[in-house]
Amino acid sequence: MPAATVTSKGQITIPVEVRSSLGLDAGDRVEFVEVGKGQFAIMAATRSVQELRGLFRGKRKKVVSVEEMNAAISKRASRLR
């Protein structure tokens, strides 16, 4: 089982077999996902947004413009004052 040591700065070196399995290269990002109490999975965060298309099912809602979003945010913020 691959292992790593945490440095005093909180850094680790990901073992080569783990990097290879995840397809990680220098500069790639990883995510730590909690899968249980005290247990985390490490995942490559190298997917593009385009790969997420079709991942979520459901009815498409009305498309809104940036201006409409800004107006809704302003309206909500004014209620909180």
PDB file of N, CA and C in Angstrom:
ATOM      1  N   MET A   1       0.849  -1.166   0.000  1.00  0.00           N
ATOM      2  CA  MET A   1       0.000   0.000   0.000  1.00  0.00           C
ATOM      3  C   MET A   1       0.901   1.238   0.000  1.00  0.00           C
ATOM      4  N   PRO A   2       0.697   2.152  -0.954  1.00  0.00           N
ATOM      5  CA  PRO A   2       1.503   3.376  -0.995  1.00  0.00           C
ATOM      6  C   PRO A   2       1.254   4.234   0.240  1.00  0.00           C
ATOM      7  N   ALA A   3       2.300   4.913   0.711  1.00  0.00           N
ATOM      8  CA  ALA A   3       2.191   5.771   1.887  1.00  0.00           C
ATOM      9  C   ALA A   3       3.020   7.029   1.666  1.00  0.00           C
ATOM     10  N   ALA A   4       2.728   8.059   2.444  1.00  0.00           N
ATOM     11  CA  ALA A   4       3.466   9.315   2.371  1.00  0.00           C
ATOM     12  C   ALA A   4       3.602   9.871   3.778  1.00  0.00           C
ATOM     13  N   THR A   5       4.586  10.714   3.971  1.00  0.00           N
ATOM     14  CA  THR A   5       4.829  11.356   5.260  1.00  0.00           C
ATOM     15  C   THR A   5       4.488  12.830   5.149  1.00  0.00           C
ATOM     16  N   VAL A   6       3.804  13.355   6.144  1.00  0.00           N
ATOM     17  CA  VAL A   6       3.433  14.765   6.176  1.00  0.00           C
ATOM     18  C   VAL A   6       4.611  15.553   6.735  1.00  0.00           C
ATOM     19  N   THR A   7       5.022  16.623   6.020  1.00  0.00           N
ATOM     20  CA  THR A   7       6.114  17.473   6.491  1.00  0.00           C
ATOM     21  C   THR A   7       5.587  18.442   7.544  1.00  0.00           C
ATOM     22  N   SER A   8       6.486  19.186   8.156  1.00  0.00           N
ATOM     23  CA  SER A   8       6.091  20.166   9.161  1.00  0.00           C
ATOM     24  C   SER A   8       5.234  21.279   8.555  1.00  0.00           C
ATOM     25  N   LYS A   9       5.304  21.448   7.245  1.00  0.00           N
ATOM     26  CA  LYS A   9       4.482  22.449   6.557  1.00  0.00           C
ATOM     27  C   LYS A   9       3.150  21.871   6.073  1.00  0.00           C
ATOM     28  N   GLY A  10       2.879  20.608   6.395  1.00  0.00           N
ATOM     29  CA  GLY A  10       1.625  19.983   5.989  1.00  0.00           C
ATOM     30  C   GLY A  10       1.642  19.472   4.561  1.00  0.00           C
ATOM     31  N   GLN A  11       2.809  19.302   3.984  1.00  0.00           N
ATOM     32  CA  GLN A  11       2.925  18.845   2.602  1.00  0.00           C
ATOM     33  C   GLN A  11       3.221  17.356   2.545  1.00  0.00           C
ATOM     34  N   ILE A  12       2.800  16.732   1.442  1.00  0.00           N
ATOM     35  CA  ILE A  12       3.136  15.330   1.194  1.00  0.00           C
ATOM     36  C   ILE A  12       3.577  15.189  -0.258  1.00  0.00           C
ATOM     37  N   THR A  13       4.324  14.132  -0.526  1.00  0.00           N
ATOM     38  CA  THR A  13       4.642  13.762  -1.901  1.00  0.00           C
ATOM     39  C   THR A  13       3.764  12.572  -2.231  1.00  0.00           C
ATOM     40  N   ILE A  14       2.973  12.705  -3.288  1.00  0.00           N
ATOM     41  CA  ILE A  14       2.087  11.607  -3.688  1.00  0.00           C
ATOM     42  C   ILE A  14       2.943  10.540  -4.361  1.00  0.00           C
ATOM     43  N   PRO A  15       2.881   9.306  -3.875  1.00  0.00           N
ATOM     44  CA  PRO A  15       3.707   8.238  -4.455  1.00  0.00           C
ATOM     45  C   PRO A  15       3.474   8.081  -5.956  1.00  0.00           C
ATOM     46  N   VAL A  16       4.524   7.709  -6.669  1.00  0.00           N
ATOM     47  CA  VAL A  16       4.478   7.626  -8.130  1.00  0.00           C
ATOM     48  C   VAL A  16       3.369   6.693  -8.620  1.00  0.00           C
ATOM     49  N   GLU A  17       3.139   5.576  -7.926  1.00  0.00           N
ATOM     50  CA  GLU A  17       2.095   4.649  -8.394  1.00  0.00           C
ATOM     51  C   GLU A  17       0.705   5.264  -8.262  1.00  0.00           C
ATOM     52  N   VAL A  18       0.504   6.118  -7.260  1.00  0.00           N
ATOM     53  CA  VAL A  18      -0.781   6.799  -7.095  1.00  0.00           C
ATOM     54  C   VAL A  18      -0.937   7.868  -8.184  1.00  0.00           C
ATOM     55  N   ARG A  19       0.140   8.640  -8.424  1.00  0.00           N
ATOM     56  CA  ARG A  19       0.092   9.658  -9.483  1.00  0.00           C
ATOM     57  C   ARG A  19      -0.183   9.028 -10.831  1.00  0.00           C
ATOM     58  N   SER A  20       0.451   7.910 -11.107  1.00  0.00           N
ATOM     59  CA  SER A  20       0.236   7.220 -12.386  1.00  0.00           C
ATOM     60  C   SER A  20      -1.198   6.735 -12.515  1.00  0.00           C
ATOM     61  N   SER A  21      -1.711   6.140 -11.446  1.00  0.00           N
ATOM     62  CA  SER A  21      -3.078   5.618 -11.461  1.00  0.00           C
ATOM     63  C   SER A  21      -4.106   6.719 -11.677  1.00  0.00           C
ATOM     64  N   LEU A  22      -3.846   7.900 -11.096  1.00  0.00           N
ATOM     65  CA  LEU A  22      -4.773   9.031 -11.237  1.00  0.00           C
ATOM     66  C   LEU A  22      -4.508   9.842 -12.496  1.00  0.00           C
ATOM     67  N   GLY A  23      -3.418   9.549 -13.194  1.00  0.00           N
ATOM     68  CA  GLY A  23      -3.075  10.298 -14.392  1.00  0.00           C
ATOM     69  C   GLY A  23      -2.625  11.717 -14.086  1.00  0.00           C
ATOM     70  N   LEU A  24      -1.960  11.889 -12.953  1.00  0.00           N
ATOM     71  CA  LEU A  24      -1.526  13.223 -12.522  1.00  0.00           C
ATOM     72  C   LEU A  24      -0.159  13.571 -13.076  1.00  0.00           C
ATOM     73  N   ASP A  25      -0.008  14.833 -13.462  1.00  0.00           N
ATOM     74  CA  ASP A  25       1.267  15.383 -13.883  1.00  0.00           C
ATOM     75  C   ASP A  25       1.571  16.593 -13.014  1.00  0.00           C
ATOM     76  N   ALA A  26       2.795  17.079 -13.093  1.00  0.00           N
ATOM     77  CA  ALA A  26       3.182  18.269 -12.337  1.00  0.00           C
ATOM     78  C   ALA A  26       2.227  19.412 -12.650  1.00  0.00           C
ATOM     79  N   GLY A  27       1.762  20.092 -11.619  1.00  0.00           N
ATOM     80  CA  GLY A  27       0.850  21.220 -11.790  1.00  0.00           C
ATOM     81  C   GLY A  27      -0.622  20.859 -11.734  1.00  0.00           C
ATOM     82  N   ASP A  28      -0.949  19.564 -11.801  1.00  0.00           N
ATOM     83  CA  ASP A  28      -2.352  19.147 -11.716  1.00  0.00           C
ATOM     84  C   ASP A  28      -2.862  19.358 -10.297  1.00  0.00           C
ATOM     85  N   ARG A  29      -4.178  19.527 -10.186  1.00  0.00           N
ATOM     86  CA  ARG A  29      -4.805  19.710  -8.878  1.00  0.00           C
ATOM     87  C   ARG A  29      -5.451  18.397  -8.448  1.00  0.00           C
ATOM     88  N   VAL A  30      -5.536  18.214  -7.137  1.00  0.00           N
ATOM     89  CA  VAL A  30      -6.239  17.059  -6.582  1.00  0.00           C
ATOM     90  C   VAL A  30      -7.269  17.558  -5.581  1.00  0.00           C
ATOM     91  N   GLU A  31      -8.276  16.750  -5.360  1.00  0.00           N
ATOM     92  CA  GLU A  31      -9.310  17.056  -4.376  1.00  0.00           C
ATOM     93  C   GLU A  31      -9.332  15.935  -3.352  1.00  0.00           C
ATOM     94  N   PHE A  32      -9.604  16.312  -2.118  1.00  0.00           N
ATOM     95  CA  PHE A  32      -9.748  15.341  -1.048  1.00  0.00           C
ATOM     96  C   PHE A  32     -11.223  15.299  -0.690  1.00  0.00           C
ATOM     97  N   VAL A  33     -11.860  14.152  -0.905  1.00  0.00           N
ATOM     98  CA  VAL A  33     -13.288  13.998  -0.702  1.00  0.00           C
ATOM     99  C   VAL A  33     -13.523  13.114   0.511  1.00  0.00           C
ATOM    100  N   GLU A  34     -14.274  13.646   1.477  1.00  0.00           N
ATOM    101  CA  GLU A  34     -14.561  12.862   2.681  1.00  0.00           C
ATOM    102  C   GLU A  34     -15.544  11.750   2.329  1.00  0.00           C
ATOM    103  N   VAL A  35     -15.149  10.515   2.598  1.00  0.00           N
ATOM    104  CA  VAL A  35     -15.997   9.364   2.300  1.00  0.00           C
ATOM    105  C   VAL A  35     -16.527   8.706   3.563  1.00  0.00           C
ATOM    106  N   GLY A  36     -16.044   9.141   4.691  1.00  0.00           N
ATOM    107  CA  GLY A  36     -16.490   8.619   5.975  1.00  0.00           C
ATOM    108  C   GLY A  36     -15.768   9.382   7.062  1.00  0.00           C
ATOM    109  N   LYS A  37     -16.176   9.162   8.283  1.00  0.00           N
ATOM    110  CA  LYS A  37     -15.539   9.869   9.402  1.00  0.00           C
ATOM    111  C   LYS A  37     -14.058   9.488   9.461  1.00  0.00           C
ATOM    112  N   GLY A  38     -13.205  10.486   9.252  1.00  0.00           N
ATOM    113  CA  GLY A  38     -11.767  10.250   9.290  1.00  0.00           C
ATOM    114  C   GLY A  38     -11.209   9.565   8.063  1.00  0.00           C
ATOM    115  N   GLN A  39     -12.004   9.457   6.988  1.00  0.00           N
ATOM    116  CA  GLN A  39     -11.548   8.810   5.759  1.00  0.00           C
ATOM    117  C   GLN A  39     -11.785   9.735   4.571  1.00  0.00           C
ATOM    118  N   PHE A  40     -10.750   9.869   3.747  1.00  0.00           N
ATOM    119  CA  PHE A  40     -10.834  10.715   2.568  1.00  0.00           C
ATOM    120  C   PHE A  40     -10.347   9.952   1.349  1.00  0.00           C
ATOM    121  N   ALA A  41     -10.901  10.290   0.205  1.00  0.00           N
ATOM    122  CA  ALA A  41     -10.423   9.763  -1.071  1.00  0.00           C
ATOM    123  C   ALA A  41      -9.726  10.906  -1.789  1.00  0.00           C
ATOM    124  N   ILE A  42      -8.655  10.602  -2.488  1.00  0.00           N
ATOM    125  CA  ILE A  42      -7.959  11.611  -3.274  1.00  0.00           C
ATOM    126  C   ILE A  42      -8.384  11.421  -4.732  1.00  0.00           C
ATOM    127  N   MET A  43      -8.779  12.521  -5.352  1.00  0.00           N
ATOM    128  CA  MET A  43      -9.274  12.455  -6.725  1.00  0.00           C
ATOM    129  C   MET A  43      -8.569  13.499  -7.569  1.00  0.00           C
ATOM    130  N   ALA A  44      -8.273  13.144  -8.802  1.00  0.00           N
ATOM    131  CA  ALA A  44      -7.687  14.102  -9.733  1.00  0.00           C
ATOM    132  C   ALA A  44      -8.746  15.134 -10.081  1.00  0.00           C
ATOM    133  N   ALA A  45      -8.391  16.398 -10.003  1.00  0.00           N
ATOM    134  CA  ALA A  45      -9.316  17.486 -10.336  1.00  0.00           C
ATOM    135  C   ALA A  45      -8.925  18.040 -11.701  1.00  0.00           C
ATOM    136  N   THR A  46      -8.777  17.144 -12.666  1.00  0.00           N
ATOM    137  CA  THR A  46      -8.286  17.545 -13.978  1.00  0.00           C
ATOM    138  C   THR A  46      -9.369  17.515 -15.047  1.00  0.00           C
ATOM    139  N   ARG A  47     -10.591  17.194 -14.664  1.00  0.00           N
ATOM    140  CA  ARG A  47     -11.676  17.154 -15.655  1.00  0.00           C
ATOM    141  C   ARG A  47     -12.033  18.554 -16.113  1.00  0.00           C
ATOM    142  N   SER A  48     -12.396  18.655 -17.360  1.00  0.00           N
ATOM    143  CA  SER A  48     -12.868  19.950 -17.844  1.00  0.00           C
ATOM    144  C   SER A  48     -14.367  20.050 -17.579  1.00  0.00           C
ATOM    145  N   VAL A  49     -14.863  21.249 -17.579  1.00  0.00           N
ATOM    146  CA  VAL A  49     -16.289  21.480 -17.362  1.00  0.00           C
ATOM    147  C   VAL A  49     -17.102  20.793 -18.452  1.00  0.00           C
ATOM    148  N   GLN A  50     -16.561  20.709 -19.640  1.00  0.00           N
ATOM    149  CA  GLN A  50     -17.273  20.081 -20.757  1.00  0.00           C
ATOM    150  C   GLN A  50     -17.607  18.614 -20.471  1.00  0.00           C
ATOM    151  N   GLU A  51     -16.774  17.939 -19.687  1.00  0.00           N
ATOM    152  CA  GLU A  51     -17.015  16.533 -19.371  1.00  0.00           C
ATOM    153  C   GLU A  51     -18.212  16.341 -18.456  1.00  0.00           C
ATOM    154  N   LEU A  52     -18.662  17.404 -17.800  1.00  0.00           N
ATOM    155  CA  LEU A  52     -19.791  17.305 -16.875  1.00  0.00           C
ATOM    156  C   LEU A  52     -21.137  17.349 -17.605  1.00  0.00           C
ATOM    157  N   ARG A  53     -21.128  17.703 -18.875  1.00  0.00           N
ATOM    158  CA  ARG A  53     -22.373  17.806 -19.631  1.00  0.00           C
ATOM    159  C   ARG A  53     -23.121  16.478 -19.605  1.00  0.00           C
ATOM    160  N   GLY A  54     -24.391  16.552 -19.272  1.00  0.00           N
ATOM    161  CA  GLY A  54     -25.231  15.366 -19.226  1.00  0.00           C
ATOM    162  C   GLY A  54     -25.130  14.592 -17.925  1.00  0.00           C
ATOM    163  N   LEU A  55     -24.274  15.033 -17.019  1.00  0.00           N
ATOM    164  CA  LEU A  55     -24.102  14.325 -15.755  1.00  0.00           C
ATOM    165  C   LEU A  55     -25.323  14.472 -14.866  1.00  0.00           C
ATOM    166  N   PHE A  56     -25.942  15.646 -14.915  1.00  0.00           N
ATOM    167  CA  PHE A  56     -27.109  15.906 -14.088  1.00  0.00           C
ATOM    168  C   PHE A  56     -28.365  15.812 -14.923  1.00  0.00           C
ATOM    169  N   ARG A  57     -29.292  15.032 -14.448  1.00  0.00           N
ATOM    170  CA  ARG A  57     -30.551  14.873 -15.159  1.00  0.00           C
ATOM    171  C   ARG A  57     -31.571  15.841 -14.617  1.00  0.00           C
ATOM    172  N   GLY A  58     -32.634  15.964 -15.319  1.00  0.00           N
ATOM    173  CA  GLY A  58     -33.705  16.807 -14.832  1.00  0.00           C
ATOM    174  C   GLY A  58     -34.143  17.806 -15.876  1.00  0.00           C
ATOM    175  N   LYS A  59     -35.189  18.463 -15.535  1.00  0.00           N
ATOM    176  CA  LYS A  59     -35.788  19.432 -16.423  1.00  0.00           C
ATOM    177  C   LYS A  59     -34.931  20.695 -16.470  1.00  0.00           C
ATOM    178  N   ARG A  60     -34.664  21.166 -17.655  1.00  0.00           N
ATOM    179  CA  ARG A  60     -33.902  22.409 -17.783  1.00  0.00           C
ATOM    180  C   ARG A  60     -34.779  23.579 -17.412  1.00  0.00           C
ATOM    181  N   LYS A  61     -34.200  24.477 -16.665  1.00  0.00           N
ATOM    182  CA  LYS A  61     -34.934  25.667 -16.268  1.00  0.00           C
ATOM    183  C   LYS A  61     -34.642  26.792 -17.239  1.00  0.00           C
ATOM    184  N   LYS A  62     -35.371  27.856 -17.077  1.00  0.00           N
ATOM    185  CA  LYS A  62     -35.221  29.018 -17.934  1.00  0.00           C
ATOM    186  C   LYS A  62     -33.779  29.539 -17.881  1.00  0.00           C
ATOM    187  N   VAL A  63     -33.236  29.867 -19.029  1.00  0.00           N
ATOM    188  CA  VAL A  63     -31.915  30.459 -19.105  1.00  0.00           C
ATOM    189  C   VAL A  63     -32.050  31.933 -18.762  1.00  0.00           C
ATOM    190  N   VAL A  64     -31.184  32.416 -17.869  1.00  0.00           N
ATOM    191  CA  VAL A  64     -31.239  33.821 -17.472  1.00  0.00           C
ATOM    192  C   VAL A  64     -29.939  34.507 -17.851  1.00  0.00           C
ATOM    193  N   SER A  65     -30.033  35.794 -18.099  1.00  0.00           N
ATOM    194  CA  SER A  65     -28.853  36.570 -18.467  1.00  0.00           C
ATOM    195  C   SER A  65     -28.110  37.011 -17.218  1.00  0.00           C
ATOM    196  N   VAL A  66     -26.904  37.502 -17.409  1.00  0.00           N
ATOM    197  CA  VAL A  66     -26.108  38.029 -16.306  1.00  0.00           C
ATOM    198  C   VAL A  66     -26.832  39.214 -15.676  1.00  0.00           C
ATOM    199  N   GLU A  67     -27.439  40.024 -16.499  1.00  0.00           N
ATOM    200  CA  GLU A  67     -28.172  41.187 -15.992  1.00  0.00           C
ATOM    201  C   GLU A  67     -29.323  40.753 -15.090  1.00  0.00           C
ATOM    202  N   GLU A  68     -30.051  39.699 -15.492  1.00  0.00           N
ATOM    203  CA  GLU A  68     -31.151  39.191 -14.676  1.00  0.00           C
ATOM    204  C   GLU A  68     -30.640  38.621 -13.351  1.00  0.00           C
ATOM    205  N   MET A  69     -29.482  37.944 -13.407  1.00  0.00           N
ATOM    206  CA  MET A  69     -28.897  37.406 -12.175  1.00  0.00           C
ATOM    207  C   MET A  69     -28.496  38.541 -11.240  1.00  0.00           C
ATOM    208  N   ASN A  70     -27.855  39.567 -11.794  1.00  0.00           N
ATOM    209  CA  ASN A  70     -27.439  40.710 -10.970  1.00  0.00           C
ATOM    210  C   ASN A  70     -28.645  41.404 -10.344  1.00  0.00           C
ATOM    211  N   ALA A  71     -29.722  41.538 -11.105  1.00  0.00           N
ATOM    212  CA  ALA A  71     -30.930  42.171 -10.578  1.00  0.00           C
ATOM    213  C   ALA A  71     -31.516  41.343  -9.431  1.00  0.00           C
ATOM    214  N   ALA A  72     -31.538  40.027  -9.582  1.00  0.00           N
ATOM    215  CA  ALA A  72     -32.067  39.153  -8.531  1.00  0.00           C
ATOM    216  C   ALA A  72     -31.208  39.226  -7.278  1.00  0.00           C
ATOM    217  N   ILE A  73     -29.896  39.291  -7.451  1.00  0.00           N
ATOM    218  CA  ILE A  73     -28.987  39.398  -6.305  1.00  0.00           C
ATOM    219  C   ILE A  73     -29.210  40.726  -5.590  1.00  0.00           C
ATOM    220  N   SER A  74     -29.314  41.803  -6.349  1.00  0.00           N
ATOM    221  CA  SER A  74     -29.554  43.129  -5.763  1.00  0.00           C
ATOM    222  C   SER A  74     -30.864  43.177  -5.004  1.00  0.00           C
ATOM    223  N   LYS A  75     -31.902  42.579  -5.598  1.00  0.00           N
ATOM    224  CA  LYS A  75     -33.220  42.565  -4.969  1.00  0.00           C
ATOM    225  C   LYS A  75     -33.161  41.823  -3.633  1.00  0.00           C
ATOM    226  N   ARG A  76     -32.503  40.676  -3.626  1.00  0.00           N
ATOM    227  CA  ARG A  76     -32.390  39.876  -2.406  1.00  0.00           C
ATOM    228  C   ARG A  76     -31.557  40.607  -1.361  1.00  0.00           C
ATOM    229  N   ALA A  77     -30.469  41.226  -1.789  1.00  0.00           N
ATOM    230  CA  ALA A  77     -29.596  41.936  -0.854  1.00  0.00           C
ATOM    231  C   ALA A  77     -30.316  43.108  -0.213  1.00  0.00           C
ATOM    232  N   SER A  78     -31.197  43.773  -0.978  1.00  0.00           N
ATOM    233  CA  SER A  78     -31.912  44.925  -0.423  1.00  0.00           C
ATOM    234  C   SER A  78     -32.904  44.471   0.659  1.00  0.00           C
ATOM    235  N   ARG A  79     -33.416  43.257   0.572  1.00  0.00           N
ATOM    236  CA  ARG A  79     -34.335  42.730   1.583  1.00  0.00           C
ATOM    237  C   ARG A  79     -33.610  42.392   2.886  1.00  0.00           C
ATOM    238  N   LEU A  80     -32.313  42.115   2.804  1.00  0.00           N
ATOM    239  CA  LEU A  80     -31.549  41.715   3.976  1.00  0.00           C
ATOM    240  C   LEU A  80     -31.060  42.903   4.791  1.00  0.00           C
ATOM    241  N   ARG A  81     -31.167  44.102   4.239  1.00  0.00           N
ATOM    242  CA  ARG A  81     -30.660  45.297   4.948  1.00  0.00           C
ATOM    243  C   ARG A  81     -31.601  45.767   5.989  1.00  0.00           C
TER     244      ARG A  81
END
